[in-house]
Protein backbone atom coordinates (compact mmCIF):
# COMPACT_ATOMS: atom_id res chain seq x y z
CA MET A 1 -18.11 -22.84 -19.56
CA ARG A 2 -15.06 -24.70 -21.00
CA LEU A 3 -11.99 -25.25 -18.72
CA HIS A 4 -9.94 -23.48 -21.48
CA ASP A 5 -12.06 -20.42 -21.30
CA PHE A 6 -11.77 -20.34 -17.43
CA HIS A 7 -7.98 -20.75 -17.73
CA GLN A 8 -7.87 -17.84 -20.26
CA MET A 9 -9.76 -15.62 -17.84
CA LEU A 10 -7.26 -16.58 -15.08
CA GLU A 11 -4.28 -15.83 -17.12
CA THR A 12 -5.76 -12.58 -18.34
CA LEU A 13 -6.38 -11.42 -14.69
CA ARG A 14 -2.81 -12.43 -13.75
CA TRP A 15 -1.32 -10.70 -16.75
CA ASP A 16 -3.25 -7.34 -16.14
CA ASP A 17 -2.44 -7.44 -12.48
CA HIS A 18 1.25 -7.88 -13.16
CA ARG A 19 1.61 -5.28 -16.00
CA TYR A 20 -0.56 -2.65 -14.36
CA TYR A 21 0.41 -3.02 -10.71
CA HIS A 22 3.72 -4.77 -10.50
CA GLN A 23 6.14 -2.83 -12.62
CA CYS A 24 8.73 -1.97 -9.80
CA ARG A 25 11.13 -4.63 -8.92
CA ILE A 26 11.09 -3.55 -5.25
CA ASN A 27 7.28 -4.22 -5.28
CA GLN A 28 7.87 -7.62 -6.94
CA THR A 29 10.57 -8.53 -4.33
CA LEU A 30 8.15 -7.55 -1.50
CA HIS A 31 5.46 -9.70 -3.23
CA LEU A 32 8.02 -12.57 -3.28
CA ILE A 33 8.39 -12.26 0.59
CA SER A 34 4.60 -11.84 0.93
CA ALA A 35 3.94 -15.01 -1.21
CA ILE A 36 6.30 -17.05 0.91
CA SER A 37 4.62 -15.89 4.09
CA PHE A 38 1.32 -16.71 2.70
CA LEU A 39 2.48 -20.23 1.76
CA CYS A 40 3.42 -20.60 5.37
CA ALA A 41 0.08 -19.29 6.50
CA TYR A 42 -1.51 -21.95 4.26
CA VAL A 43 0.30 -24.69 6.14
CA LEU A 44 -0.62 -23.01 9.40
CA LEU A 45 -4.34 -23.04 8.55
CA PHE A 46 -4.16 -26.83 9.44
CA ILE A 47 -2.09 -26.34 12.54
CA ASP A 48 -3.03 -22.99 14.07
CA PRO A 49 -5.60 -20.94 12.24
CA ALA A 50 -5.26 -17.94 14.51
CA LEU A 51 -1.43 -17.85 13.76
CA ALA A 52 -2.19 -18.30 10.11
CA GLY A 53 -4.32 -15.07 10.25
CA ILE A 54 -1.56 -13.31 12.15
CA VAL A 55 1.22 -14.23 9.67
CA GLY A 56 -0.93 -13.67 6.63
CA TRP A 57 -1.83 -10.17 7.70
CA THR A 58 1.20 -8.86 9.49
CA ILE A 59 3.77 -10.20 7.16
CA GLY A 60 1.93 -11.14 3.92
CA MET A 61 -0.34 -8.23 3.60
CA VAL A 62 1.99 -5.56 5.06
CA THR A 63 4.73 -6.39 2.55
CA ARG A 64 2.40 -6.75 -0.23
CA GLN A 65 0.48 -3.46 0.18
CA SER A 66 3.49 -1.45 1.20
CA GLY A 67 5.01 -2.38 -2.24
CA HIS A 68 1.99 -0.86 -3.93
CA ILE A 69 1.69 2.12 -1.72
CA PHE A 70 5.38 3.16 -1.58
CA PHE A 71 7.10 1.87 -4.57
CA GLU A 72 4.77 1.31 -7.37
CA PRO A 73 4.42 4.33 -9.79
CA ARG A 74 1.04 5.96 -9.58
CA GLY A 75 1.26 8.43 -12.57
CA TYR A 76 0.64 7.88 -16.14
CA ASP A 77 1.69 4.40 -17.24
CA THR A 78 3.87 4.83 -20.32
CA ILE A 79 4.30 1.03 -20.69
CA ASN A 80 0.62 0.32 -20.99
CA GLN A 81 -0.55 3.79 -22.32
CA ALA A 82 -3.01 4.09 -19.44
CA SER A 83 -3.67 6.65 -16.72
CA ASP A 84 -3.75 5.61 -13.08
CA ALA A 85 -7.36 6.65 -12.89
CA HIS A 86 -8.20 4.25 -15.83
CA LYS A 87 -6.45 1.39 -14.22
CA GLU A 88 -8.10 1.93 -10.86
CA ALA A 89 -11.53 2.20 -12.50
CA ILE A 90 -11.21 -1.09 -14.42
CA LYS A 91 -9.48 -3.08 -11.63
CA VAL A 92 -11.18 -6.27 -11.15
CA GLY A 93 -10.18 -6.90 -7.50
CA PHE A 94 -9.50 -4.50 -4.88
CA ASN A 95 -8.34 -1.00 -6.02
CA MET A 96 -6.69 1.38 -3.73
CA ARG A 97 -9.99 2.74 -2.32
CA ARG A 98 -11.28 -0.71 -1.50
CA LYS A 99 -7.95 -1.69 -0.08
CA ALA A 100 -8.04 1.47 2.20
CA VAL A 101 -11.37 0.33 3.61
CA LEU A 102 -10.13 -3.36 4.25
CA ILE A 103 -6.91 -2.02 5.88
CA GLY A 104 -9.07 0.24 8.08
CA VAL A 105 -11.19 -2.76 9.20
CA TRP A 106 -8.07 -4.80 9.74
CA LEU A 107 -6.56 -2.07 12.00
CA ALA A 108 -9.76 -1.56 13.87
CA LEU A 109 -10.30 -5.24 14.92
CA PRO A 110 -7.52 -5.44 17.43
CA VAL A 111 -8.74 -2.30 19.09
CA LEU A 112 -12.34 -3.47 19.10
CA LEU A 113 -11.31 -6.78 20.68
CA TRP A 114 -9.36 -4.99 23.31
CA ALA A 115 -12.11 -2.63 24.12
CA GLU A 116 -14.81 -5.36 23.95
CA PRO A 117 -13.18 -8.84 24.31
CA GLY A 118 -16.57 -10.55 24.05
CA LEU A 119 -17.87 -8.66 21.06
CA TRP A 120 -21.16 -8.02 22.78
CA GLY A 121 -21.68 -11.69 23.66
CA LEU A 122 -20.65 -13.07 20.13
CA ILE A 123 -17.48 -14.84 21.44
CA THR A 124 -16.09 -15.97 24.68
CA PRO A 125 -14.12 -13.05 26.11
CA SER A 126 -10.45 -13.44 26.63
CA HIS A 127 -8.68 -12.08 29.70
CA SER A 128 -4.89 -12.62 28.70
CA LEU A 129 -2.61 -11.22 26.15
CA SER A 130 -2.20 -14.70 24.47
CA GLY A 131 -6.07 -15.00 24.32
CA TRP A 132 -6.45 -11.65 22.79
CA LEU A 133 -3.84 -12.42 20.20
CA HIS A 134 -5.52 -15.55 19.41
CA ASP A 135 -8.89 -13.74 18.96
CA VAL A 136 -7.14 -11.10 16.80
CA GLY A 137 -5.62 -13.79 14.50
CA LEU A 138 -9.05 -15.54 14.07
CA SER A 139 -10.81 -12.20 13.40
CA TRP A 140 -8.25 -11.33 10.83
CA LEU A 141 -8.53 -14.75 9.21
CA ALA A 142 -12.39 -14.25 9.13
CA LEU A 143 -11.92 -10.83 7.57
CA GLY A 144 -9.75 -12.28 4.78
CA ALA A 145 -12.28 -14.93 4.04
CA ALA A 146 -15.14 -12.50 4.11
CA GLY A 147 -13.28 -10.05 1.76
CA LEU A 148 -12.61 -12.80 -0.73
CA LEU A 149 -16.27 -14.18 -0.64
CA ALA A 150 -17.82 -10.68 -0.78
CA ARG A 151 -15.75 -9.48 -3.85
CA THR A 152 -16.31 -12.84 -5.54
CA VAL A 153 -20.06 -12.70 -5.12
CA HIS A 154 -20.01 -8.96 -6.18
CA LEU A 155 -18.26 -10.00 -9.37
CA PHE A 156 -21.00 -12.54 -10.01
CA PHE A 157 -23.32 -9.64 -10.56
CA LEU A 158 -20.90 -7.08 -11.88
CA ARG A 159 -19.46 -9.35 -14.64
CA SER A 160 -20.44 -13.05 -14.49
CA PRO A 161 -20.08 -15.95 -12.11
CA ALA A 162 -17.16 -17.27 -14.22
CA TRP A 163 -15.18 -14.03 -13.71
CA GLY A 164 -15.97 -14.10 -10.07
CA LEU A 165 -14.59 -17.58 -9.68
CA ALA A 166 -11.61 -16.90 -11.89
CA TRP A 167 -10.78 -13.90 -9.61
CA ALA A 168 -11.11 -16.01 -6.48
CA ALA A 169 -8.89 -18.70 -7.98
CA LYS A 170 -6.28 -16.03 -8.87
CA ILE A 171 -6.25 -14.70 -5.26
CA ILE A 172 -5.93 -18.14 -3.74
CA SER A 173 -3.23 -19.21 -6.11
CA ASP A 174 -1.39 -15.81 -6.13
CA PRO A 175 1.31 -16.98 -3.62
CA PHE A 176 2.26 -19.88 -5.82
CA HIS A 177 2.16 -17.82 -8.88
CA ASN A 178 4.04 -14.86 -7.31
CA VAL A 179 6.98 -17.19 -6.33
CA ALA A 180 7.11 -18.63 -9.82
CA ILE A 181 7.22 -15.25 -11.57
CA TYR A 182 9.07 -13.04 -9.02
CA TRP A 183 11.79 -15.23 -7.74
CA ARG A 184 14.28 -13.56 -10.09
CA SER A 185 13.18 -9.95 -9.14
CA PRO A 186 15.63 -9.51 -6.22
CA LEU A 187 18.57 -10.50 -8.65
CA ALA A 188 17.28 -7.96 -11.17
CA LEU A 189 17.03 -5.41 -8.45
CA LEU A 190 20.67 -6.10 -7.40
CA ARG A 191 21.75 -5.47 -11.12
CA GLY A 192 20.23 -2.04 -10.85
CA GLN A 193 17.04 -2.76 -12.82
CA ARG A 194 14.36 -0.69 -10.99
CA PHE A 195 11.55 -1.48 -13.27
CA ASP A 196 10.36 -4.57 -15.17
CA PRO A 197 10.52 -4.03 -18.90
CA MET A 198 7.38 -6.20 -19.22
CA GLN A 199 8.58 -7.87 -22.46
CA GLU A 200 6.86 -11.30 -21.94
CA GLY A 201 4.04 -13.00 -20.19
CA ALA A 202 1.00 -11.60 -21.96
CA PRO A 203 -1.87 -14.15 -22.76
CA GLN A 204 -2.73 -14.82 -26.34
CA SER A 205 -6.12 -13.16 -26.08
CA GLY A 206 -8.72 -11.83 -23.81
CA ALA A 207 -9.25 -8.66 -21.80
CA ALA A 208 -9.83 -7.95 -18.10
């Protein structure tokens, strides 16, 4: 596969994600906050991986997913002439059903580590609050990596290895891309623009 084709896949995934799931300026602003926190988490990966997991999930994922759940319109999409059911069915990454499962596991892990600190002999049990938080952070980091890897491999068979790798590249680079495209969103929101008119940004060709 040529590099140009891979780049086109990546841009198509980004554009479809933006136009289908990021129409609300509040959601875009929350994604900007999320992106900044994820960039901090990227740095923390080399300093304190457990803290990186905590920052990524408690700030990055909470702000990101709350924007989708509470502010993004879920009815018929008049901009793209598509129903919510259609968008969810063709979603390349994690649709709302898959996200619900992922969030359920995320919430269950701290409870599990509190009830069974050693995870039945898999890890060294912690007997302090700081140790428990450290284990929670590492488990959340592992959950994020596992979710990324599992969906990437799934897309290998569902679409093709190229699409799976393009999606993985999109997810990893999303914090940088979100800052680049959503840094103006808080200003637009302050001007009273609740929804993005979606007048620019489409790739020249391709479909997700």
